[in-house]
Amino acid sequence: MSTVQWRPYVNALTTPRSYKPQVIPRDTNGYKKLAKAISRENPLWSADLVESIIRKKDEKVMEMLLNGDQVSLENSFTYHISLAARLNAPDAPLPSPEECVRVKVYAARAFVEEVQQKVQLERLPPIQKEPVLAGAKDTVFRLSDVLNPDGLLRLSGTDLFFDPEEADMGCVIEGTRSGKGIQTRFGPISNSEVLVMPDIPAQDDPWNNEYQVSINTHYTEHGSLRTGTYARMLRTPLSVPITGSGGPPANVGILTGKEASPHVSVTGGSTSADETLRIQVILDARADALLFSLLDMKEDGMAGTAVSITANGAVTLQGFSGSALTSLGIQVNEYAALKDMIRNNYGDRLVDILNIETA
C-alpha cells in the first residue's frame, strides 16, 4: 500500500515556535482516472461507461439538493445545502443566493474510521528557506502572467530579496524553447516584491512567446544558493499584421509553447484600426472541447462570442462591442497538442495578447 506523505511547516501564529503537519498530495485524480481505476477491477464496464455514471450521479445529487432534499450515502458522504447569513429580524430578507447559499459535503463516521485504520503516513523533510514567487504582473496592462517589453514586471511573494551586485544572485527570464536573459534593470527589491524592467531574450520562432522567471539568492554570507521559480508561464504580446485584403503573412502563430510549429495560426481578419486585444482558449472538460473567444484588455471586461472547437480546422471569431476588430480568422493546426498544453501547463485557460496592426 502507498503512503500518505506529509511535511512539517512553521506555524507563525504560535510563540514559542511550533510546527503544523500538512499533507502533500502525490497527484490530483479526476473523473477519468477514477473511472479507469473502477474499470480495471470490473472489466465488463468500460471506463467511458463508468465515467458517464459518475458524472450522472453528481447531476442527480444536485437535482435532489435543488429539490430541498439532503443526500446521505450510507457509510460514505452526506450532501446538504446550508445558509450563511445574519438576519437582524425574523422577517428580514435573505441575501442573494450567491452570498448565502453553501453546499456542504462531509464524510460518514464509518468512512473516516476506516481511513484512520488503514492509512500509512510518511514524513517528508522540512523545506529549506527559498524564494517563493507567488505572482507576476505587468504594470502597463495590469494583467497577470504577461511579460511586456514596454512595461515593468512586478514579482510578488516571500523571501525574494537579493543583491543584484552579487554575481551569483539575480533574476533570470528564460524562454521555454530557447534564450536566457539575466536581468540587470530593477526598481525596488524587497522580500515581498521585486520590480523588473525586463530584458526579454529572443526565441527561435515568433510564436515561441512563453517564458519562465526565477530568482536566485542566499540568505547568509556563506549560505547555499537558493532558487525560486514562478510556477506559471509568462507570455509576451504577439504582432498580427492584417492587410487591406484581410490576409496576414503566413505563419502568424499564436497560443503555442516551445514547439517548432504553431498550434494555432491567424489566417485573416477585418479591422478598421490598430488595436491590442486578447484571444482566450478554455478547456471545457465536460464537453471535451476548446472554447475560443476574443477579449478586451481588462479582466472580466468585454468578450466576443465563444466558439467551440473539437478538432483541427478553420473558424472565425467575432469581435466584441467597441472593438475595431470585427472578426479574426484562425486555423487550429494541432488540436490535441494544444489541449494537452492547456490542461497540463495553464490550468485549463490560456490567453495571448495580440497587437493587431493594419498593414
Protein backbone atom coordinates (compact mmCIF):
# COMPACT_ATOMS: atom_id res chain seq x y z
CA MET A 1 0.00 0.00 0.00
CA SER A 2 1.24 3.50 -0.80
CA THR A 3 1.72 6.10 1.90
CA VAL A 4 0.15 9.50 2.58
CA GLN A 5 3.00 12.00 2.65
CA TRP A 6 3.14 14.98 4.99
CA ARG A 7 5.63 17.69 5.81
CA PRO A 8 6.08 19.92 8.90
CA TYR A 9 5.63 23.67 8.36
CA VAL A 10 6.31 26.53 10.73
CA ASN A 11 3.19 27.80 12.49
CA ALA A 12 3.79 31.55 12.56
CA LEU A 13 0.85 32.14 14.94
CA THR A 14 2.44 30.44 17.95
CA THR A 15 5.06 31.54 20.49
CA PRO A 16 7.37 29.77 21.10
CA ARG A 17 7.60 28.40 17.57
CA SER A 18 5.68 25.23 16.77
CA TYR A 19 5.06 23.26 13.63
CA LYS A 20 1.94 22.04 11.89
CA PRO A 21 1.76 18.91 9.72
CA GLN A 22 0.43 19.34 6.18
CA VAL A 23 -0.48 16.53 3.79
CA ILE A 24 1.29 16.71 0.40
CA PRO A 25 -0.91 15.08 -2.31
CA ARG A 26 1.00 12.81 -4.69
CA ASP A 27 -1.43 13.58 -7.51
CA THR A 28 -4.86 15.05 -8.25
CA ASN A 29 -7.23 12.49 -9.75
CA GLY A 30 -10.36 13.40 -11.67
CA TYR A 31 -13.25 11.60 -13.33
CA LYS A 32 -11.11 9.86 -15.94
CA LYS A 33 -8.59 8.33 -13.53
CA LEU A 34 -11.34 7.28 -11.13
CA ALA A 35 -13.32 5.70 -13.98
CA LYS A 36 -10.25 3.82 -15.27
CA ALA A 37 -9.48 2.50 -11.78
CA ILE A 38 -13.03 1.14 -11.40
CA SER A 39 -12.99 -0.30 -14.92
CA ARG A 40 -9.74 -2.19 -14.24
CA GLU A 41 -11.43 -4.01 -11.34
CA ASN A 42 -14.62 -4.57 -13.35
CA PRO A 43 -13.57 -5.45 -16.94
CA LEU A 44 -17.18 -5.70 -18.15
CA TRP A 45 -17.61 -1.95 -17.51
CA SER A 46 -15.79 0.33 -19.89
CA ALA A 47 -14.04 3.40 -18.49
CA ASP A 48 -16.30 5.65 -20.59
CA LEU A 49 -19.41 3.98 -19.15
CA VAL A 50 -18.13 4.32 -15.58
CA GLU A 51 -17.24 8.00 -16.12
CA SER A 52 -20.69 8.76 -17.53
CA ILE A 53 -22.33 7.11 -14.49
CA ILE A 54 -20.15 9.04 -12.02
CA ARG A 55 -20.93 12.33 -13.77
CA LYS A 56 -24.65 11.44 -13.82
CA LYS A 57 -24.50 10.76 -10.07
CA ASP A 58 -23.24 14.30 -9.49
CA GLU A 59 -26.03 15.72 -11.65
CA LYS A 60 -28.69 13.81 -9.71
CA VAL A 61 -27.23 14.85 -6.34
CA MET A 62 -27.51 18.47 -7.47
CA GLU A 63 -31.11 17.95 -8.60
CA MET A 64 -32.01 16.49 -5.22
CA LEU A 65 -30.35 19.36 -3.36
CA LEU A 66 -32.23 21.87 -5.52
CA ASN A 67 -35.41 19.95 -4.66
CA GLY A 68 -34.74 20.70 -0.98
CA ASP A 69 -33.54 17.20 -0.08
CA GLN A 70 -30.44 16.02 1.79
CA VAL A 71 -28.47 13.20 0.18
CA SER A 72 -26.87 10.69 2.57
CA LEU A 73 -24.90 7.83 1.02
CA GLU A 74 -24.55 5.07 3.60
CA ASN A 75 -21.03 4.80 5.06
CA SER A 76 -19.82 7.36 2.52
CA PHE A 77 -20.75 11.04 2.14
CA THR A 78 -23.60 13.36 3.01
CA TYR A 79 -24.57 16.38 0.89
CA HIS A 80 -26.78 19.22 2.08
CA ILE A 81 -27.44 22.91 1.50
CA SER A 82 -26.90 25.44 4.28
CA LEU A 83 -27.43 29.18 4.56
CA ALA A 84 -24.69 31.51 5.81
CA ALA A 85 -26.42 34.75 6.75
CA ARG A 86 -27.12 37.03 9.70
CA LEU A 87 -30.66 38.42 9.94
CA ASN A 88 -31.45 41.40 12.14
CA ALA A 89 -35.11 40.40 12.42
CA PRO A 90 -37.17 37.21 11.86
CA ASP A 91 -38.84 38.73 8.81
CA ALA A 92 -35.65 40.25 7.32
CA PRO A 93 -34.99 39.18 3.73
CA LEU A 94 -32.19 36.77 2.94
CA PRO A 95 -29.16 37.96 1.00
CA SER A 96 -28.91 36.77 -2.59
CA PRO A 97 -28.20 33.02 -3.08
CA GLU A 98 -24.69 33.89 -4.34
CA GLU A 99 -23.97 35.44 -0.94
CA CYS A 100 -25.55 32.98 1.47
CA VAL A 101 -26.08 29.54 -0.08
CA ARG A 102 -23.44 26.94 0.76
CA VAL A 103 -23.16 23.29 -0.27
CA LYS A 104 -21.73 21.10 2.49
CA VAL A 105 -20.17 17.68 1.91
CA TYR A 106 -18.80 15.59 4.76
CA ALA A 107 -17.69 12.02 5.26
CA ALA A 108 -19.64 9.48 7.32
CA ARG A 109 -18.10 8.35 10.61
CA ALA A 110 -17.64 4.80 9.30
CA PHE A 111 -15.77 6.13 6.25
CA VAL A 112 -13.43 8.25 8.39
CA GLU A 113 -12.77 5.43 10.85
CA GLU A 114 -11.83 3.03 8.06
CA VAL A 115 -9.40 5.57 6.57
CA GLN A 116 -7.84 6.09 10.02
CA GLN A 117 -7.37 2.33 10.45
CA LYS A 118 -5.80 1.76 7.03
CA VAL A 119 -3.76 4.89 6.34
CA GLN A 120 0.05 4.78 6.46
CA LEU A 121 1.72 8.15 6.98
CA GLU A 122 5.16 9.15 5.67
CA ARG A 123 7.07 12.15 6.99
CA LEU A 124 8.89 14.29 4.43
CA PRO A 125 11.81 16.53 5.45
CA PRO A 126 11.09 20.23 6.02
CA ILE A 127 11.53 22.50 3.02
CA GLN A 128 14.54 24.80 3.08
CA LYS A 129 14.00 28.52 3.01
CA GLU A 130 13.88 29.67 -0.60
CA PRO A 131 12.35 32.43 -2.73
CA VAL A 132 8.63 31.84 -3.31
CA LEU A 133 7.26 33.64 -6.38
CA ALA A 134 3.50 33.89 -5.88
CA GLY A 135 2.58 36.44 -8.58
CA ALA A 136 3.86 38.16 -11.72
CA LYS A 137 2.02 41.17 -13.14
CA ASP A 138 2.71 43.68 -15.92
CA THR A 139 2.39 47.28 -14.74
CA VAL A 140 1.14 48.68 -18.08
CA PHE A 141 -1.62 46.22 -18.99
CA ARG A 142 -2.17 45.38 -15.31
CA LEU A 143 -2.59 41.75 -16.26
CA SER A 144 -1.05 38.74 -14.53
CA ASP A 145 1.39 36.39 -16.25
CA VAL A 146 2.16 38.92 -19.02
CA LEU A 147 5.75 39.73 -19.99
CA ASN A 148 5.55 43.11 -21.71
CA PRO A 149 8.71 44.57 -23.31
CA ASP A 150 7.17 48.04 -22.94
CA GLY A 151 6.26 47.67 -19.27
CA LEU A 152 7.58 46.66 -15.88
CA LEU A 153 7.21 43.22 -14.37
CA ARG A 154 6.14 43.21 -10.71
CA LEU A 155 7.07 39.98 -8.92
CA SER A 156 5.45 39.29 -5.55
CA GLY A 157 5.99 36.59 -2.97
CA THR A 158 8.13 35.84 0.08
CA ASP A 159 11.88 35.77 0.78
CA LEU A 160 12.59 37.38 -2.61
CA PHE A 161 15.34 39.84 -1.65
CA PHE A 162 18.67 39.57 -3.46
CA ASP A 163 21.64 41.84 -4.09
CA PRO A 164 21.93 42.46 -7.86
CA GLU A 165 25.58 43.44 -7.35
CA GLU A 166 26.42 39.89 -6.26
CA ALA A 167 27.47 37.71 -9.21
CA ASP A 168 25.55 34.62 -8.15
CA MET A 169 22.32 36.43 -7.21
CA GLY A 170 19.70 37.82 -9.53
CA CYS A 171 16.59 37.39 -11.64
CA VAL A 172 16.52 35.25 -14.79
CA ILE A 173 13.95 35.18 -17.60
CA GLU A 174 14.24 32.11 -19.80
CA GLY A 175 12.31 31.04 -22.89
CA THR A 176 10.81 27.56 -22.77
CA ARG A 177 12.30 26.78 -26.20
CA SER A 178 15.46 28.90 -26.26
CA GLY A 179 17.02 32.09 -24.92
CA LYS A 180 18.05 33.06 -21.41
CA GLY A 181 18.36 36.60 -20.06
CA ILE A 182 19.98 37.62 -16.76
CA GLN A 183 18.13 40.77 -15.72
CA THR A 184 20.08 43.94 -14.90
CA ARG A 185 17.46 46.71 -14.57
CA PHE A 186 15.47 46.82 -11.35
CA GLY A 187 13.29 49.07 -9.29
CA PRO A 188 12.81 48.39 -5.58
CA ILE A 189 13.86 44.91 -4.38
CA SER A 190 12.42 43.59 -1.12
CA ASN A 191 11.45 40.27 0.43
CA SER A 192 7.86 40.68 -0.76
CA GLU A 193 8.25 42.43 -4.12
CA VAL A 194 10.73 42.89 -6.98
CA LEU A 195 10.21 45.36 -9.84
CA VAL A 196 11.96 44.37 -13.08
CA MET A 197 12.37 46.26 -16.35
CA PRO A 198 12.51 43.08 -18.43
CA ASP A 199 15.19 42.28 -20.96
CA ILE A 200 13.38 39.53 -22.89
CA PRO A 201 15.57 37.00 -24.75
CA ALA A 202 14.55 36.11 -28.30
CA GLN A 203 13.40 32.58 -29.12
CA ASP A 204 13.68 30.54 -32.31
CA ASP A 205 10.28 31.44 -33.78
CA PRO A 206 7.95 34.42 -33.22
CA TRP A 207 5.16 32.23 -31.82
CA ASN A 208 7.51 30.99 -29.04
CA ASN A 209 6.34 33.69 -26.61
CA GLU A 210 6.36 31.53 -23.47
CA TYR A 211 8.83 32.30 -20.65
CA GLN A 212 9.70 31.32 -17.08
CA VAL A 213 11.06 33.68 -14.43
CA SER A 214 13.19 32.74 -11.42
CA ILE A 215 15.13 34.42 -8.62
CA ASN A 216 18.47 33.26 -7.20
CA THR A 217 19.62 34.37 -3.75
CA HIS A 218 21.23 33.24 -0.50
CA TYR A 219 20.30 34.35 3.00
CA THR A 220 23.62 34.27 4.82
CA GLU A 221 27.14 35.15 3.79
CA HIS A 222 28.18 31.54 3.43
CA GLY A 223 24.74 30.05 2.82
CA SER A 224 23.97 27.89 -0.18
CA LEU A 225 22.36 29.45 -3.25
CA ARG A 226 18.55 29.10 -3.30
CA THR A 227 16.38 29.36 -6.42
CA GLY A 228 12.66 30.06 -6.67
CA THR A 229 10.81 29.68 -9.98
CA TYR A 230 7.38 31.12 -10.71
CA ALA A 231 5.01 28.19 -11.29
CA ARG A 232 3.06 29.78 -14.15
CA MET A 233 4.31 30.65 -17.62
CA LEU A 234 4.64 34.28 -18.73
CA ARG A 235 3.65 35.22 -22.28
CA THR A 236 4.69 38.19 -24.42
CA PRO A 237 2.34 40.09 -26.80
CA LEU A 238 2.29 38.89 -30.42
CA SER A 239 2.18 41.10 -33.54
CA VAL A 240 -0.57 40.23 -36.04
CA PRO A 241 -0.45 42.36 -39.22
CA ILE A 242 -3.68 42.31 -41.23
CA THR A 243 -3.55 43.60 -44.80
CA GLY A 244 -6.26 45.50 -46.59
CA SER A 245 -7.35 42.29 -48.27
CA GLY A 246 -7.80 40.65 -44.88
CA GLY A 247 -4.89 38.22 -45.04
CA PRO A 248 -1.81 38.44 -42.77
CA PRO A 249 1.55 36.97 -43.77
CA ALA A 250 1.94 33.21 -43.36
CA ASN A 251 2.86 31.61 -40.04
CA VAL A 252 1.43 34.20 -37.67
CA GLY A 253 1.43 31.66 -34.86
CA ILE A 254 -0.39 32.14 -31.57
CA LEU A 255 -1.37 30.10 -28.49
CA THR A 256 1.76 27.95 -28.65
CA GLY A 257 4.58 26.98 -26.30
CA LYS A 258 8.06 25.77 -27.21
CA GLU A 259 7.05 23.94 -30.39
CA ALA A 260 8.75 24.39 -33.78
CA SER A 261 5.37 24.92 -35.49
CA PRO A 262 2.36 26.85 -34.15
CA HIS A 263 -0.61 25.12 -32.57
CA VAL A 264 -2.85 27.89 -33.94
CA SER A 265 -2.34 30.39 -36.79
CA VAL A 266 -4.13 33.62 -37.65
CA THR A 267 -5.44 33.38 -41.23
CA GLY A 268 -7.10 36.78 -41.67
CA GLY A 269 -9.42 39.32 -40.20
CA SER A 270 -11.28 42.56 -40.55
CA THR A 271 -10.27 45.67 -38.62
CA SER A 272 -10.72 49.41 -39.01
CA ALA A 273 -7.68 50.38 -36.92
CA ASP A 274 -4.71 49.10 -34.96
CA GLU A 275 -5.78 47.53 -31.67
CA THR A 276 -4.42 45.49 -28.79
CA LEU A 277 -6.73 42.76 -27.52
CA ARG A 278 -6.60 39.22 -26.19
CA ILE A 279 -7.55 35.81 -27.50
CA GLN A 280 -8.63 33.21 -24.95
CA VAL A 281 -9.00 29.45 -25.17
CA ILE A 282 -10.62 27.46 -22.36
CA LEU A 283 -10.65 23.68 -21.97
CA ASP A 284 -14.24 22.54 -21.46
CA ALA A 285 -13.61 19.13 -19.91
CA ARG A 286 -17.30 18.21 -19.74
CA ALA A 287 -17.80 18.73 -23.47
CA ASP A 288 -14.22 17.66 -24.34
CA ALA A 289 -13.82 20.82 -26.42
CA LEU A 290 -11.83 24.03 -26.61
CA LEU A 291 -13.69 27.35 -26.38
CA PHE A 292 -12.11 30.26 -28.29
CA SER A 293 -13.10 33.91 -27.86
CA LEU A 294 -11.73 37.46 -28.18
CA LEU A 295 -11.41 39.65 -25.08
CA ASP A 296 -10.62 43.27 -24.33
CA MET A 297 -7.64 44.22 -22.16
CA LYS A 298 -9.44 44.19 -18.81
CA GLU A 299 -10.16 41.15 -16.70
CA ASP A 300 -13.92 40.47 -16.70
CA GLY A 301 -14.33 43.06 -19.46
CA MET A 302 -15.92 42.82 -22.88
CA ALA A 303 -15.81 39.49 -24.72
CA GLY A 304 -16.83 38.15 -28.10
CA THR A 305 -18.97 35.05 -28.58
CA ALA A 306 -17.15 31.83 -27.67
CA VAL A 307 -16.67 29.27 -30.45
CA SER A 308 -16.34 25.56 -29.60
CA ILE A 309 -13.72 23.53 -31.47
CA THR A 310 -13.18 19.77 -31.19
CA ALA A 311 -10.62 19.10 -33.95
CA ASN A 312 -8.18 20.74 -36.33
CA GLY A 313 -9.83 23.25 -38.64
CA ALA A 314 -10.56 26.86 -39.50
CA VAL A 315 -13.03 29.12 -37.65
CA THR A 316 -13.87 32.82 -37.46
CA LEU A 317 -14.07 34.62 -34.13
CA GLN A 318 -16.28 37.67 -33.77
CA GLY A 319 -15.12 40.86 -32.09
CA PHE A 320 -16.76 42.46 -29.07
CA SER A 321 -18.67 45.69 -28.64
CA GLY A 322 -16.45 48.73 -29.17
CA SER A 323 -13.61 46.82 -30.80
CA ALA A 324 -12.06 47.96 -34.10
CA LEU A 325 -11.58 44.29 -34.95
CA THR A 326 -14.86 42.85 -36.21
CA SER A 327 -13.60 39.34 -36.98
CA LEU A 328 -10.48 37.20 -36.77
CA GLY A 329 -9.89 34.02 -38.74
CA ILE A 330 -7.82 31.30 -37.10
CA GLN A 331 -6.63 27.84 -38.11
CA VAL A 332 -6.17 25.19 -35.41
CA ASN A 333 -3.22 23.10 -36.58
CA GLU A 334 -2.51 20.89 -33.55
CA TYR A 335 -5.73 20.45 -31.58
CA ALA A 336 -4.54 17.54 -29.40
CA ALA A 337 -1.22 19.19 -28.52
CA LEU A 338 -2.95 22.49 -27.72
CA LYS A 339 -5.45 20.76 -25.45
CA ASP A 340 -2.69 18.91 -23.59
CA MET A 341 -0.68 22.12 -23.14
CA ILE A 342 -3.67 23.99 -21.73
CA ARG A 343 -4.55 21.15 -19.36
CA ASN A 344 -1.02 20.46 -18.14
CA ASN A 345 0.60 23.93 -18.09
CA TYR A 346 -2.15 26.56 -17.89
CA GLY A 347 -4.86 25.33 -15.55
CA ASP A 348 -7.42 24.91 -18.38
CA ARG A 349 -7.17 28.56 -19.58
CA LEU A 350 -4.66 30.09 -22.00
CA VAL A 351 -4.61 33.74 -23.09
CA ASP A 352 -2.43 35.55 -25.64
CA ILE A 353 -2.22 39.31 -26.20
CA LEU A 354 -2.45 40.24 -29.89
CA ASN A 355 -1.23 43.55 -31.32
CA ILE A 356 -3.48 43.86 -34.38
CA GLU A 357 -1.73 46.03 -36.97
CA THR A 358 -3.17 47.30 -40.25
CA ALA A 359 -0.53 46.63 -42.90
